[in-house]
Amino acid sequence: MKKEILEKFLSNQCSYNECKDVASYLEGNDDELDKIQLFENLADNEIIHIDQVEKDLLCDAILAKPKQGLLLKRLLIAAAVLLFVAFSFYKLGKHDSPSHLESPLLVEIVNDTESAEWHILPDSSRVKLSPAAKLTYRTNFAKDRELNQVAGEITYFVHANKDLPFRVINQGVQTRAVGTTFSIDDYNNENLIIKLLEGKIVVEDPTDNTDSEIILNNPTAIVVSKVNFTYNHINENKEGHKKAWDKERKSIRNNYSESTIAWSNQVVNFSGVSNADLFSIMERLYGVSIDVENPKITNGNFTGELYQNDNLENLLTIFCQINGCNFTIKDNIIRIK
């Protein structure tokens, strides 16, 4: 290495590139350091003498500085990365944020069969969909128990949870319950019919800021206008068992083949009829509502006889003996589990 460059280096007068070159040279030729006379022109009283312990401490302090610089550099890089990430999330905007991407999806249940269907909801509530019935709810239903009844008649068997009311929206009319049994159906083009079978419900207009609401706490039925939320209580004149029997017999002839259901004045013979159809016939004949807690029960079929004067409990007893289930009857609600 040229002597003049080394001298400039020692006197702190060289450029950055020259210093870099000197450092690289000395790093690869450490024996050259012994040839440098740093103190040859200094008087003895100008030289500070220290023992080995102090030399070691000084050496550790000098070597520690690059580490501290490296740590600071890493911290600055990490901070820059965090700022970039934060800025990126900010630039994504509301609709591109992770919370939007993870928004609840819509779940749809449709009964496109000719028999009633029972389904269990995420909160353990159960619903019975009549043929052509349809409902939707969000995948976060267990935390926000709101669903939309789109079409058809649906009966709700609500799992009680006082902290999370169960809400059904049907064409602008909301029915709210904590734990109860009720059904909703179209009465005609302008009105809904809402039947409370057990417990308590509140019927209200969710878009209305007023306190207008209809409270039902006894089994009853009301017809509610979809347009202006007016309503009327109706007295459902339940037909006598004989009238219901004759009406159902005519309906059966139009909807079932005689090989499945053979109906006469006094007896009906079931041959492999689906359990779901059997439940629907029982509901119409006896004016009850059937809640099937295990929907798998509806997948089976029933073969047997029913006489006009048979007691409903006798038929249920035979059914449960065949299917390994049990039942309870309370307030015209039959629960099979």
C-alpha atoms as a PDB file:
ATOM      1  CA  MET A   1       0.000   0.000   0.000  1.00  0.00           C
ATOM      2  CA  LYS A   2       1.231   3.472  -0.788  1.00  0.00           C
ATOM      3  CA  LYS A   3       2.777   5.188   2.201  1.00  0.00           C
ATOM      4  CA  GLU A   4       1.039   8.519   1.521  1.00  0.00           C
ATOM      5  CA  ILE A   5      -2.420   6.909   1.649  1.00  0.00           C
ATOM      6  CA  LEU A   6      -1.577   5.185   4.924  1.00  0.00           C
ATOM      7  CA  GLU A   7      -0.334   8.461   6.391  1.00  0.00           C
ATOM      8  CA  LYS A   8      -3.506  10.240   5.328  1.00  0.00           C
ATOM      9  CA  PHE A   9      -5.458   7.412   6.961  1.00  0.00           C
ATOM     10  CA  LEU A  10      -3.572   7.757  10.214  1.00  0.00           C
ATOM     11  CA  SER A  11      -4.029  11.509  10.237  1.00  0.00           C
ATOM     12  CA  ASN A  12      -7.754  11.175   9.494  1.00  0.00           C
ATOM     13  CA  GLN A  13      -7.432  13.048   6.216  1.00  0.00           C
ATOM     14  CA  CYS A  14      -8.307  10.381   3.666  1.00  0.00           C
ATOM     15  CA  SER A  15     -11.567   9.978   1.787  1.00  0.00           C
ATOM     16  CA  TYR A  16     -14.187   7.357   2.530  1.00  0.00           C
ATOM     17  CA  ASN A  17     -13.085   5.107  -0.313  1.00  0.00           C
ATOM     18  CA  GLU A  18      -9.442   5.472   0.716  1.00  0.00           C
ATOM     19  CA  CYS A  19     -10.308   4.534   4.308  1.00  0.00           C
ATOM     20  CA  LYS A  20     -12.229   1.559   3.016  1.00  0.00           C
ATOM     21  CA  ASP A  21      -9.298   0.403   0.974  1.00  0.00           C
ATOM     22  CA  VAL A  22      -6.890   0.789   3.920  1.00  0.00           C
ATOM     23  CA  ALA A  23      -9.245  -1.108   6.246  1.00  0.00           C
ATOM     24  CA  SER A  24      -9.613  -3.944   3.725  1.00  0.00           C
ATOM     25  CA  TYR A  25      -5.844  -4.106   3.264  1.00  0.00           C
ATOM     26  CA  LEU A  26      -5.088  -4.177   6.976  1.00  0.00           C
ATOM     27  CA  GLU A  27      -7.807  -6.762   7.584  1.00  0.00           C
ATOM     28  CA  GLY A  28      -6.120  -9.127   5.164  1.00  0.00           C
ATOM     29  CA  ASN A  29      -2.573  -8.204   6.259  1.00  0.00           C
ATOM     30  CA  ASP A  30      -2.685  -7.842  10.018  1.00  0.00           C
ATOM     31  CA  ASP A  31       1.099  -8.239  10.220  1.00  0.00           C
ATOM     32  CA  GLU A  32       1.396  -4.820   8.608  1.00  0.00           C
ATOM     33  CA  LEU A  33      -0.093  -3.306  11.768  1.00  0.00           C
ATOM     34  CA  ASP A  34       3.111  -4.124  13.643  1.00  0.00           C
ATOM     35  CA  LYS A  35       5.078  -1.985  11.193  1.00  0.00           C
ATOM     36  CA  ILE A  36       3.061   1.133  11.858  1.00  0.00           C
ATOM     37  CA  GLN A  37       4.789   3.449  14.313  1.00  0.00           C
ATOM     38  CA  LEU A  38       1.893   5.318  15.808  1.00  0.00           C
ATOM     39  CA  PHE A  39       3.772   6.788  18.738  1.00  0.00           C
ATOM     40  CA  GLU A  40       7.306   7.301  17.420  1.00  0.00           C
ATOM     41  CA  ASN A  41       7.084  11.110  17.495  1.00  0.00           C
ATOM     42  CA  LEU A  42       5.369  11.338  20.894  1.00  0.00           C
ATOM     43  CA  ALA A  43       7.102  12.175  24.135  1.00  0.00           C
ATOM     44  CA  ASP A  44       6.800   9.662  26.921  1.00  0.00           C
ATOM     45  CA  ASN A  45       4.655  11.971  29.060  1.00  0.00           C
ATOM     46  CA  GLU A  46       2.154  12.215  26.202  1.00  0.00           C
ATOM     47  CA  ILE A  47       1.560   8.505  26.192  1.00  0.00           C
ATOM     48  CA  ILE A  48      -1.031   7.019  28.545  1.00  0.00           C
ATOM     49  CA  HIS A  49       0.020   3.720  30.038  1.00  0.00           C
ATOM     50  CA  ILE A  50      -2.672   1.216  31.192  1.00  0.00           C
ATOM     51  CA  ASP A  51      -2.442  -2.295  32.555  1.00  0.00           C
ATOM     52  CA  GLN A  52      -3.847  -5.445  30.860  1.00  0.00           C
ATOM     53  CA  VAL A  53      -7.148  -5.429  32.759  1.00  0.00           C
ATOM     54  CA  GLU A  54      -7.934  -1.912  31.591  1.00  0.00           C
ATOM     55  CA  LYS A  55      -6.884  -2.873  28.068  1.00  0.00           C
ATOM     56  CA  ASP A  56      -9.369  -5.770  28.097  1.00  0.00           C
ATOM     57  CA  LEU A  57     -12.189  -3.519  29.345  1.00  0.00           C
ATOM     58  CA  LEU A  58     -11.374  -0.946  26.698  1.00  0.00           C
ATOM     59  CA  CYS A  59     -11.292  -3.639  24.032  1.00  0.00           C
ATOM     60  CA  ASP A  60     -14.698  -4.969  25.103  1.00  0.00           C
ATOM     61  CA  ALA A  61     -16.159  -1.476  25.015  1.00  0.00           C
ATOM     62  CA  ILE A  62     -14.808  -0.850  21.516  1.00  0.00           C
ATOM     63  CA  LEU A  63     -16.064  -4.169  20.189  1.00  0.00           C
ATOM     64  CA  ALA A  64     -19.488  -3.650  21.747  1.00  0.00           C
ATOM     65  CA  LYS A  65     -20.212  -0.556  19.717  1.00  0.00           C
ATOM     66  CA  PRO A  66     -20.709  -2.323  16.388  1.00  0.00           C
ATOM     67  CA  LYS A  67     -23.109  -4.741  18.115  1.00  0.00           C
ATOM     68  CA  GLN A  68     -25.109  -1.846  19.468  1.00  0.00           C
ATOM     69  CA  GLY A  69     -25.193  -0.289  16.041  1.00  0.00           C
ATOM     70  CA  LEU A  70     -26.308  -3.543  14.523  1.00  0.00           C
ATOM     71  CA  LEU A  71     -29.097  -3.873  17.114  1.00  0.00           C
ATOM     72  CA  LEU A  72     -30.248  -0.331  16.422  1.00  0.00           C
ATOM     73  CA  LYS A  73     -30.210  -1.018  12.711  1.00  0.00           C
ATOM     74  CA  ARG A  74     -32.339  -4.131  13.193  1.00  0.00           C
ATOM     75  CA  LEU A  75     -34.809  -2.208  15.340  1.00  0.00           C
ATOM     76  CA  LEU A  76     -35.110   0.483  12.692  1.00  0.00           C
ATOM     77  CA  ILE A  77     -35.734  -2.152  10.018  1.00  0.00           C
ATOM     78  CA  ALA A  78     -38.395  -3.843  12.164  1.00  0.00           C
ATOM     79  CA  ALA A  79     -40.080  -0.483  12.802  1.00  0.00           C
ATOM     80  CA  ALA A  80     -40.082   0.244   9.080  1.00  0.00           C
ATOM     81  CA  VAL A  81     -41.680  -3.137   8.373  1.00  0.00           C
ATOM     82  CA  LEU A  82     -44.385  -2.518  10.987  1.00  0.00           C
ATOM     83  CA  LEU A  83     -45.120   0.888   9.536  1.00  0.00           C
ATOM     84  CA  PHE A  84     -45.391  -0.621   6.076  1.00  0.00           C
ATOM     85  CA  VAL A  85     -47.802  -3.312   7.282  1.00  0.00           C
ATOM     86  CA  ALA A  86     -49.919  -0.784   9.178  1.00  0.00           C
ATOM     87  CA  PHE A  87     -50.003   1.520   6.180  1.00  0.00           C
ATOM     88  CA  SER A  88     -50.945  -1.389   3.918  1.00  0.00           C
ATOM     89  CA  PHE A  89     -53.913  -2.302   6.135  1.00  0.00           C
ATOM     90  CA  TYR A  90     -54.955   1.340   6.163  1.00  0.00           C
ATOM     91  CA  LYS A  91     -54.824   1.501   2.371  1.00  0.00           C
ATOM     92  CA  LEU A  92     -56.875  -1.667   2.046  1.00  0.00           C
ATOM     93  CA  GLY A  93     -59.927   0.248   3.189  1.00  0.00           C
ATOM     94  CA  LYS A  94     -63.101  -0.895   4.871  1.00  0.00           C
ATOM     95  CA  HIS A  95     -64.240  -3.387   2.250  1.00  0.00           C
ATOM     96  CA  ASP A  96     -60.848  -5.025   1.794  1.00  0.00           C
ATOM     97  CA  SER A  97     -60.048  -5.416   5.484  1.00  0.00           C
ATOM     98  CA  PRO A  98     -59.722  -8.879   7.075  1.00  0.00           C
ATOM     99  CA  SER A  99     -62.928  -8.308   9.047  1.00  0.00           C
ATOM    100  CA  HIS A 100     -64.795  -7.855   5.777  1.00  0.00           C
ATOM    101  CA  LEU A 101     -63.199 -10.894   4.189  1.00  0.00           C
ATOM    102  CA  GLU A 102     -64.279 -12.972   7.203  1.00  0.00           C
ATOM    103  CA  SER A 103     -67.865 -11.664   7.212  1.00  0.00           C
ATOM    104  CA  PRO A 104     -70.512 -14.335   7.921  1.00  0.00           C
ATOM    105  CA  LEU A 105     -71.760 -16.282   4.925  1.00  0.00           C
ATOM    106  CA  LEU A 106     -75.412 -16.995   4.169  1.00  0.00           C
ATOM    107  CA  VAL A 107     -76.835 -20.457   4.854  1.00  0.00           C
ATOM    108  CA  GLU A 108     -80.006 -21.543   3.074  1.00  0.00           C
ATOM    109  CA  ILE A 109     -82.439 -24.310   4.009  1.00  0.00           C
ATOM    110  CA  VAL A 110     -85.092 -25.282   1.468  1.00  0.00           C
ATOM    111  CA  ASN A 111     -87.670 -28.050   1.679  1.00  0.00           C
ATOM    112  CA  ASP A 112     -88.226 -29.128  -1.916  1.00  0.00           C
ATOM    113  CA  THR A 113     -89.901 -32.407  -0.928  1.00  0.00           C
ATOM    114  CA  GLU A 114     -93.592 -33.223  -0.476  1.00  0.00           C
ATOM    115  CA  SER A 115     -93.196 -33.931   3.256  1.00  0.00           C
ATOM    116  CA  ALA A 116     -92.303 -31.809   6.273  1.00  0.00           C
ATOM    117  CA  GLU A 117     -88.610 -31.618   7.193  1.00  0.00           C
ATOM    118  CA  TRP A 118     -87.000 -30.991  10.577  1.00  0.00           C
ATOM    119  CA  HIS A 119     -83.601 -29.294  10.903  1.00  0.00           C
ATOM    120  CA  ILE A 120     -81.361 -28.412  13.854  1.00  0.00           C
ATOM    121  CA  LEU A 121     -79.905 -24.885  13.875  1.00  0.00           C
ATOM    122  CA  PRO A 122     -76.413 -24.007  15.213  1.00  0.00           C
ATOM    123  CA  ASP A 123     -77.900 -22.809  18.540  1.00  0.00           C
ATOM    124  CA  SER A 124     -79.689 -26.179  19.066  1.00  0.00           C
ATOM    125  CA  SER A 125     -83.089 -24.731  18.122  1.00  0.00           C
ATOM    126  CA  ARG A 126     -85.158 -26.818  15.722  1.00  0.00           C
ATOM    127  CA  VAL A 127     -87.272 -25.841  12.752  1.00  0.00           C
ATOM    128  CA  LYS A 128     -89.936 -27.740  10.861  1.00  0.00           C
ATOM    129  CA  LEU A 129     -90.276 -26.724   7.234  1.00  0.00           C
ATOM    130  CA  SER A 130     -93.469 -27.541   5.407  1.00  0.00           C
ATOM    131  CA  PRO A 131     -93.168 -28.409   1.702  1.00  0.00           C
ATOM    132  CA  ALA A 132     -91.835 -25.446  -0.368  1.00  0.00           C
ATOM    133  CA  ALA A 133     -90.678 -23.620   2.777  1.00  0.00           C
ATOM    134  CA  LYS A 134     -87.368 -21.753   2.744  1.00  0.00           C
ATOM    135  CA  LEU A 135     -85.248 -19.850   5.274  1.00  0.00           C
ATOM    136  CA  THR A 136     -81.785 -18.301   5.448  1.00  0.00           C
ATOM    137  CA  TYR A 137     -79.408 -17.347   8.253  1.00  0.00           C
ATOM    138  CA  ARG A 138     -75.793 -16.295   8.725  1.00  0.00           C
ATOM    139  CA  THR A 139     -72.964 -18.596   9.745  1.00  0.00           C
ATOM    140  CA  ASN A 140     -72.561 -16.591  12.980  1.00  0.00           C
ATOM    141  CA  PHE A 141     -76.120 -17.558  13.962  1.00  0.00           C
ATOM    142  CA  ALA A 142     -75.034 -18.979  17.337  1.00  0.00           C
ATOM    143  CA  LYS A 143     -74.039 -15.423  18.368  1.00  0.00           C
ATOM    144  CA  ASP A 144     -76.649 -13.463  16.396  1.00  0.00           C
ATOM    145  CA  ARG A 145     -79.837 -15.504  16.306  1.00  0.00           C
ATOM    146  CA  GLU A 146     -81.576 -13.841  13.381  1.00  0.00           C
ATOM    147  CA  LEU A 147     -82.960 -15.651  10.367  1.00  0.00           C
ATOM    148  CA  ASN A 148     -85.073 -14.734   7.378  1.00  0.00           C
ATOM    149  CA  GLN A 149     -88.161 -16.767   6.552  1.00  0.00           C
ATOM    150  CA  VAL A 150     -88.365 -16.529   2.780  1.00  0.00           C
ATOM    151  CA  ALA A 151     -91.313 -18.768   1.902  1.00  0.00           C
ATOM    152  CA  GLY A 152     -93.780 -21.335   3.199  1.00  0.00           C
ATOM    153  CA  GLU A 153     -94.887 -22.352   6.664  1.00  0.00           C
ATOM    154  CA  ILE A 154     -92.202 -22.915   9.292  1.00  0.00           C
ATOM    155  CA  THR A 155     -92.594 -23.932  12.917  1.00  0.00           C
ATOM    156  CA  TYR A 156     -89.857 -22.903  15.352  1.00  0.00           C
ATOM    157  CA  PHE A 157     -88.889 -24.801  18.485  1.00  0.00           C
ATOM    158  CA  VAL A 158     -86.585 -22.274  20.099  1.00  0.00           C
ATOM    159  CA  HIS A 159     -83.716 -23.202  22.400  1.00  0.00           C
ATOM    160  CA  ALA A 160     -83.948 -20.867  25.397  1.00  0.00           C
ATOM    161  CA  ASN A 161     -81.245 -18.198  25.774  1.00  0.00           C
ATOM    162  CA  LYS A 162     -82.352 -14.996  27.509  1.00  0.00           C
ATOM    163  CA  ASP A 163     -79.159 -13.178  26.523  1.00  0.00           C
ATOM    164  CA  LEU A 164     -79.598 -13.899  22.790  1.00  0.00           C
ATOM    165  CA  PRO A 165     -83.210 -13.443  21.628  1.00  0.00           C
ATOM    166  CA  PHE A 166     -84.305 -15.572  18.676  1.00  0.00           C
ATOM    167  CA  ARG A 167     -85.548 -13.358  15.801  1.00  0.00           C
ATOM    168  CA  VAL A 168     -87.410 -14.272  12.613  1.00  0.00           C
ATOM    169  CA  ILE A 169     -87.831 -11.688   9.846  1.00  0.00           C
ATOM    170  CA  ASN A 170     -90.620 -12.347   7.363  1.00  0.00           C
ATOM    171  CA  GLN A 171     -91.462  -9.654   4.806  1.00  0.00           C
ATOM    172  CA  GLY A 172     -90.762  -6.795   7.186  1.00  0.00           C
ATOM    173  CA  VAL A 173     -92.383  -8.367  10.265  1.00  0.00           C
ATOM    174  CA  GLN A 174     -90.115  -9.511  13.086  1.00  0.00           C
ATOM    175  CA  THR A 175     -91.067 -12.188  15.603  1.00  0.00           C
ATOM    176  CA  ARG A 176     -88.816 -12.272  18.649  1.00  0.00           C
ATOM    177  CA  ALA A 177     -88.630 -15.050  21.249  1.00  0.00           C
ATOM    178  CA  VAL A 178     -86.358 -16.236  24.034  1.00  0.00           C
ATOM    179  CA  GLY A 179     -87.467 -19.838  24.352  1.00  0.00           C
ATOM    180  CA  THR A 180     -90.797 -20.876  22.913  1.00  0.00           C
ATOM    181  CA  THR A 181     -92.673 -22.590  20.096  1.00  0.00           C
ATOM    182  CA  PHE A 182     -94.429 -20.717  17.298  1.00  0.00           C
ATOM    183  CA  SER A 183     -95.164 -20.903  13.584  1.00  0.00           C
ATOM    184  CA  ILE A 184     -95.300 -18.355  10.778  1.00  0.00           C
ATOM    185  CA  ASP A 185     -97.015 -18.666   7.404  1.00  0.00           C
ATOM    186  CA  ASP A 186     -98.624 -16.544   4.695  1.00  0.00           C
ATOM    187  CA  TYR A 187    -102.292 -15.945   5.459  1.00  0.00           C
ATOM    188  CA  ASN A 188    -102.846 -14.283   2.103  1.00  0.00           C
ATOM    189  CA  ASN A 189    -100.946 -11.846  -0.139  1.00  0.00           C
ATOM    190  CA  GLU A 190    -101.185  -8.984   2.343  1.00  0.00           C
ATOM    191  CA  ASN A 191    -100.994 -10.740   5.708  1.00  0.00           C
ATOM    192  CA  LEU A 192     -99.044 -13.250   7.771  1.00  0.00           C
ATOM    193  CA  ILE A 193    -100.500 -15.661  10.292  1.00  0.00           C
ATOM    194  CA  ILE A 194     -98.410 -16.134  13.422  1.00  0.00           C
ATOM    195  CA  LYS A 195     -99.345 -18.837  15.903  1.00  0.00           C
ATOM    196  CA  LEU A 196     -97.957 -19.016  19.426  1.00  0.00           C
ATOM    197  CA  LEU A 197     -98.004 -22.621  20.582  1.00  0.00           C
ATOM    198  CA  GLU A 198     -96.021 -22.297  23.799  1.00  0.00           C
ATOM    199  CA  GLY A 199     -94.167 -19.614  25.767  1.00  0.00           C
ATOM    200  CA  LYS A 200     -94.024 -15.940  24.787  1.00  0.00           C
ATOM    201  CA  ILE A 201     -93.215 -13.966  21.650  1.00  0.00           C
ATOM    202  CA  VAL A 202     -93.033 -10.313  20.645  1.00  0.00           C
ATOM    203  CA  VAL A 203     -94.124  -9.382  17.128  1.00  0.00           C
ATOM    204  CA  GLU A 204     -92.801  -6.044  15.901  1.00  0.00           C
ATOM    205  CA  ASP A 205     -91.770  -3.950  12.929  1.00  0.00           C
ATOM    206  CA  PRO A 206     -87.942  -3.859  12.991  1.00  0.00           C
ATOM    207  CA  THR A 207     -87.845  -0.748  10.771  1.00  0.00           C
ATOM    208  CA  ASP A 208     -90.181   1.264  13.023  1.00  0.00           C
ATOM    209  CA  ASN A 209     -88.558   3.489  15.645  1.00  0.00           C
ATOM    210  CA  THR A 210     -91.722   3.567  17.740  1.00  0.00           C
ATOM    211  CA  ASP A 211     -92.489   1.138  20.519  1.00  0.00           C
ATOM    212  CA  SER A 212     -95.280  -0.567  18.590  1.00  0.00           C
ATOM    213  CA  GLU A 213     -95.202  -4.272  19.321  1.00  0.00           C
ATOM    214  CA  ILE A 214     -97.552  -7.185  19.826  1.00  0.00           C
ATOM    215  CA  ILE A 215     -96.923  -9.344  22.879  1.00  0.00           C
ATOM    216  CA  LEU A 216     -98.323 -12.860  22.955  1.00  0.00           C
ATOM    217  CA  ASN A 217     -97.942 -14.955  26.092  1.00  0.00           C
ATOM    218  CA  ASN A 218    -100.821 -17.415  25.682  1.00  0.00           C
ATOM    219  CA  PRO A 219    -101.373 -19.913  22.877  1.00  0.00           C
ATOM    220  CA  THR A 220    -103.183 -17.965  20.192  1.00  0.00           C
ATOM    221  CA  ALA A 221    -103.014 -16.895  16.548  1.00  0.00           C
ATOM    222  CA  ILE A 222    -102.891 -13.437  14.969  1.00  0.00           C
ATOM    223  CA  VAL A 223    -103.089 -12.145  11.417  1.00  0.00           C
ATOM    224  CA  VAL A 224    -100.572  -9.315  10.833  1.00  0.00           C
ATOM    225  CA  SER A 225    -100.533  -6.923   7.894  1.00  0.00           C
ATOM    226  CA  LYS A 226     -97.238  -6.858   5.971  1.00  0.00           C
ATOM    227  CA  VAL A 227     -98.034  -3.294   4.866  1.00  0.00           C
ATOM    228  CA  ASN A 228     -99.010  -1.280   7.942  1.00  0.00           C
ATOM    229  CA  PHE A 229     -98.460  -3.737  10.821  1.00  0.00           C
ATOM    230  CA  THR A 230    -102.115  -3.796  11.905  1.00  0.00           C
ATOM    231  CA  TYR A 231    -103.274  -7.096  13.342  1.00  0.00           C
ATOM    232  CA  ASN A 232    -106.237  -9.102  14.541  1.00  0.00           C
ATOM    233  CA  HIS A 233    -106.569 -12.060  16.845  1.00  0.00           C
ATOM    234  CA  ILE A 234    -108.319 -14.978  15.229  1.00  0.00           C
ATOM    235  CA  ASN A 235    -110.159 -17.847  16.815  1.00  0.00           C
ATOM    236  CA  GLU A 236    -109.092 -21.020  15.102  1.00  0.00           C
ATOM    237  CA  ASN A 237    -112.147 -23.180  15.067  1.00  0.00           C
ATOM    238  CA  LYS A 238    -110.535 -26.562  15.440  1.00  0.00           C
ATOM    239  CA  GLU A 239    -112.567 -29.130  13.670  1.00  0.00           C
ATOM    240  CA  GLY A 240    -113.865 -32.098  15.542  1.00  0.00           C
ATOM    241  CA  HIS A 241    -111.943 -35.324  15.142  1.00  0.00           C
ATOM    242  CA  LYS A 242    -114.627 -36.819  12.863  1.00  0.00           C
ATOM    243  CA  LYS A 243    -114.654 -33.783  10.532  1.00  0.00           C
ATOM    244  CA  ALA A 244    -110.883 -33.744  10.417  1.00  0.00           C
ATOM    245  CA  TRP A 245    -110.910 -37.474   9.637  1.00  0.00           C
ATOM    246  CA  ASP A 246    -113.289 -37.006   6.682  1.00  0.00           C
ATOM    247  CA  LYS A 247    -111.339 -34.002   5.375  1.00  0.00           C
ATOM    248  CA  GLU A 248    -108.014 -35.813   5.614  1.00  0.00           C
ATOM    249  CA  ARG A 249    -109.410 -38.879   3.877  1.00  0.00           C
ATOM    250  CA  LYS A 250    -110.331 -36.759   0.820  1.00  0.00           C
ATOM    251  CA  SER A 251    -106.918 -35.124   0.834  1.00  0.00           C
ATOM    252  CA  ILE A 252    -105.141 -38.475   1.062  1.00  0.00           C
ATOM    253  CA  ARG A 253    -106.933 -39.781  -2.016  1.00  0.00           C
ATOM    254  CA  ASN A 254    -105.552 -36.846  -4.029  1.00  0.00           C
ATOM    255  CA  ASN A 255    -101.972 -37.005  -2.750  1.00  0.00           C
ATOM    256  CA  TYR A 256    -101.095 -40.616  -1.956  1.00  0.00           C
ATOM    257  CA  SER A 257    -101.473 -43.890  -3.764  1.00  0.00           C
ATOM    258  CA  GLU A 258    -103.592 -46.598  -2.124  1.00  0.00           C
ATOM    259  CA  SER A 259    -100.530 -48.813  -1.969  1.00  0.00           C
ATOM    260  CA  THR A 260     -99.062 -46.396   0.597  1.00  0.00           C
ATOM    261  CA  ILE A 261    -102.146 -45.144   2.474  1.00  0.00           C
ATOM    262  CA  ALA A 262    -105.548 -46.809   2.231  1.00  0.00           C
ATOM    263  CA  TRP A 263    -108.213 -44.738   3.993  1.00  0.00           C
ATOM    264  CA  SER A 264    -111.769 -45.786   4.791  1.00  0.00           C
ATOM    265  CA  ASN A 265    -114.513 -44.435   7.031  1.00  0.00           C
ATOM    266  CA  GLN A 266    -113.190 -46.170  10.137  1.00  0.00           C
ATOM    267  CA  VAL A 267    -109.563 -47.169   9.548  1.00  0.00           C
ATOM    268  CA  VAL A 268    -106.457 -46.085   7.681  1.00  0.00           C
ATOM    269  CA  ASN A 269    -103.726 -48.519   6.674  1.00  0.00           C
ATOM    270  CA  PHE A 270    -100.181 -47.185   6.421  1.00  0.00           C
ATOM    271  CA  SER A 271     -97.763 -49.218   4.309  1.00  0.00           C
ATOM    272  CA  GLY A 272     -94.224 -47.857   4.335  1.00  0.00           C
ATOM    273  CA  VAL A 273     -95.378 -44.240   4.640  1.00  0.00           C
ATOM    274  CA  SER A 274     -92.582 -41.877   5.632  1.00  0.00           C
ATOM    275  CA  ASN A 275     -92.508 -40.841   9.273  1.00  0.00           C
ATOM    276  CA  ALA A 276     -92.592 -37.186   8.167  1.00  0.00           C
ATOM    277  CA  ASP A 277     -95.887 -37.784   6.340  1.00  0.00           C
ATOM    278  CA  LEU A 278     -97.241 -39.696   9.325  1.00  0.00           C
ATOM    279  CA  PHE A 279     -96.477 -36.745  11.616  1.00  0.00           C
ATOM    280  CA  SER A 280     -98.171 -34.287   9.254  1.00  0.00           C
ATOM    281  CA  ILE A 281    -101.316 -36.437   9.125  1.00  0.00           C
ATOM    282  CA  MET A 282    -101.341 -36.752  12.923  1.00  0.00           C
ATOM    283  CA  GLU A 283    -101.033 -32.974  13.315  1.00  0.00           C
ATOM    284  CA  ARG A 284    -104.022 -32.337  11.060  1.00  0.00           C
ATOM    285  CA  LEU A 285    -106.147 -35.090  12.581  1.00  0.00           C
ATOM    286  CA  TYR A 286    -105.586 -34.238  16.228  1.00  0.00           C
ATOM    287  CA  GLY A 287    -104.869 -30.490  16.059  1.00  0.00           C
ATOM    288  CA  VAL A 288    -101.397 -30.785  17.578  1.00  0.00           C
ATOM    289  CA  SER A 289     -97.860 -29.699  16.707  1.00  0.00           C
ATOM    290  CA  ILE A 290     -95.094 -32.305  16.638  1.00  0.00           C
ATOM    291  CA  ASP A 291     -91.502 -31.433  17.550  1.00  0.00           C
ATOM    292  CA  VAL A 292     -88.978 -34.072  16.508  1.00  0.00           C
ATOM    293  CA  GLU A 293     -85.816 -33.456  18.523  1.00  0.00           C
ATOM    294  CA  ASN A 294     -83.840 -36.009  16.493  1.00  0.00           C
ATOM    295  CA  PRO A 295     -84.403 -35.324  12.768  1.00  0.00           C
ATOM    296  CA  LYS A 296     -83.060 -38.800  11.922  1.00  0.00           C
ATOM    297  CA  ILE A 297     -86.360 -40.218  13.169  1.00  0.00           C
ATOM    298  CA  THR A 298     -88.118 -38.632  10.183  1.00  0.00           C
ATOM    299  CA  ASN A 299     -85.949 -40.645   7.772  1.00  0.00           C
ATOM    300  CA  GLY A 300     -87.721 -43.884   8.635  1.00  0.00           C
ATOM    301  CA  ASN A 301     -91.143 -45.168   7.606  1.00  0.00           C
ATOM    302  CA  PHE A 302     -94.204 -46.597   9.300  1.00  0.00           C
ATOM    303  CA  THR A 303     -96.451 -49.556   8.589  1.00  0.00           C
ATOM    304  CA  GLY A 304     -99.543 -50.071  10.693  1.00  0.00           C
ATOM    305  CA  GLU A 305    -103.209 -49.259  11.241  1.00  0.00           C
ATOM    306  CA  LEU A 306    -105.012 -46.294  12.760  1.00  0.00           C
ATOM    307  CA  TYR A 307    -108.680 -46.494  13.724  1.00  0.00           C
ATOM    308  CA  GLN A 308    -110.865 -43.420  13.840  1.00  0.00           C
ATOM    309  CA  ASN A 309    -111.518 -43.759  17.549  1.00  0.00           C
ATOM    310  CA  ASP A 310    -107.916 -44.572  18.470  1.00  0.00           C
ATOM    311  CA  ASN A 311    -106.300 -42.512  21.158  1.00  0.00           C
ATOM    312  CA  LEU A 312    -103.360 -40.408  19.971  1.00  0.00           C
ATOM    313  CA  GLU A 313    -101.179 -41.632  22.825  1.00  0.00           C
ATOM    314  CA  ASN A 314    -101.715 -45.247  21.758  1.00  0.00           C
ATOM    315  CA  LEU A 315    -100.461 -44.488  18.246  1.00  0.00           C
ATOM    316  CA  LEU A 316     -97.428 -42.632  19.615  1.00  0.00           C
ATOM    317  CA  THR A 317     -96.641 -45.507  21.961  1.00  0.00           C
ATOM    318  CA  ILE A 318     -96.624 -47.987  19.077  1.00  0.00           C
ATOM    319  CA  PHE A 319     -94.535 -45.632  16.961  1.00  0.00           C
ATOM    320  CA  CYS A 320     -91.904 -45.164  19.669  1.00  0.00           C
ATOM    321  CA  GLN A 321     -91.719 -48.888  20.357  1.00  0.00           C
ATOM    322  CA  ILE A 322     -90.856 -49.433  16.700  1.00  0.00           C
ATOM    323  CA  ASN A 323     -88.371 -46.529  16.460  1.00  0.00           C
ATOM    324  CA  GLY A 324     -86.774 -46.710  19.906  1.00  0.00           C
ATOM    325  CA  CYS A 325     -87.819 -43.227  20.996  1.00  0.00           C
ATOM    326  CA  ASN A 326     -90.080 -41.644  23.615  1.00  0.00           C
ATOM    327  CA  PHE A 327     -92.565 -38.783  23.633  1.00  0.00           C
ATOM    328  CA  THR A 328     -94.217 -36.174  25.836  1.00  0.00           C
ATOM    329  CA  ILE A 329     -97.467 -34.248  25.324  1.00  0.00           C
ATOM    330  CA  LYS A 330     -98.037 -30.799  26.781  1.00  0.00           C
ATOM    331  CA  ASP A 331    -100.319 -27.975  25.621  1.00  0.00           C
ATOM    332  CA  ASN A 332    -101.023 -29.723  22.303  1.00  0.00           C
ATOM    333  CA  ILE A 333     -97.290 -30.006  21.601  1.00  0.00           C
ATOM    334  CA  ILE A 334     -95.856 -33.488  21.117  1.00  0.00           C
ATOM    335  CA  ARG A 335     -92.112 -33.816  21.558  1.00  0.00           C
ATOM    336  CA  ILE A 336     -90.510 -36.956  20.182  1.00  0.00           C
ATOM    337  CA  LYS A 337     -86.911 -37.693  21.148  1.00  0.00           C
END
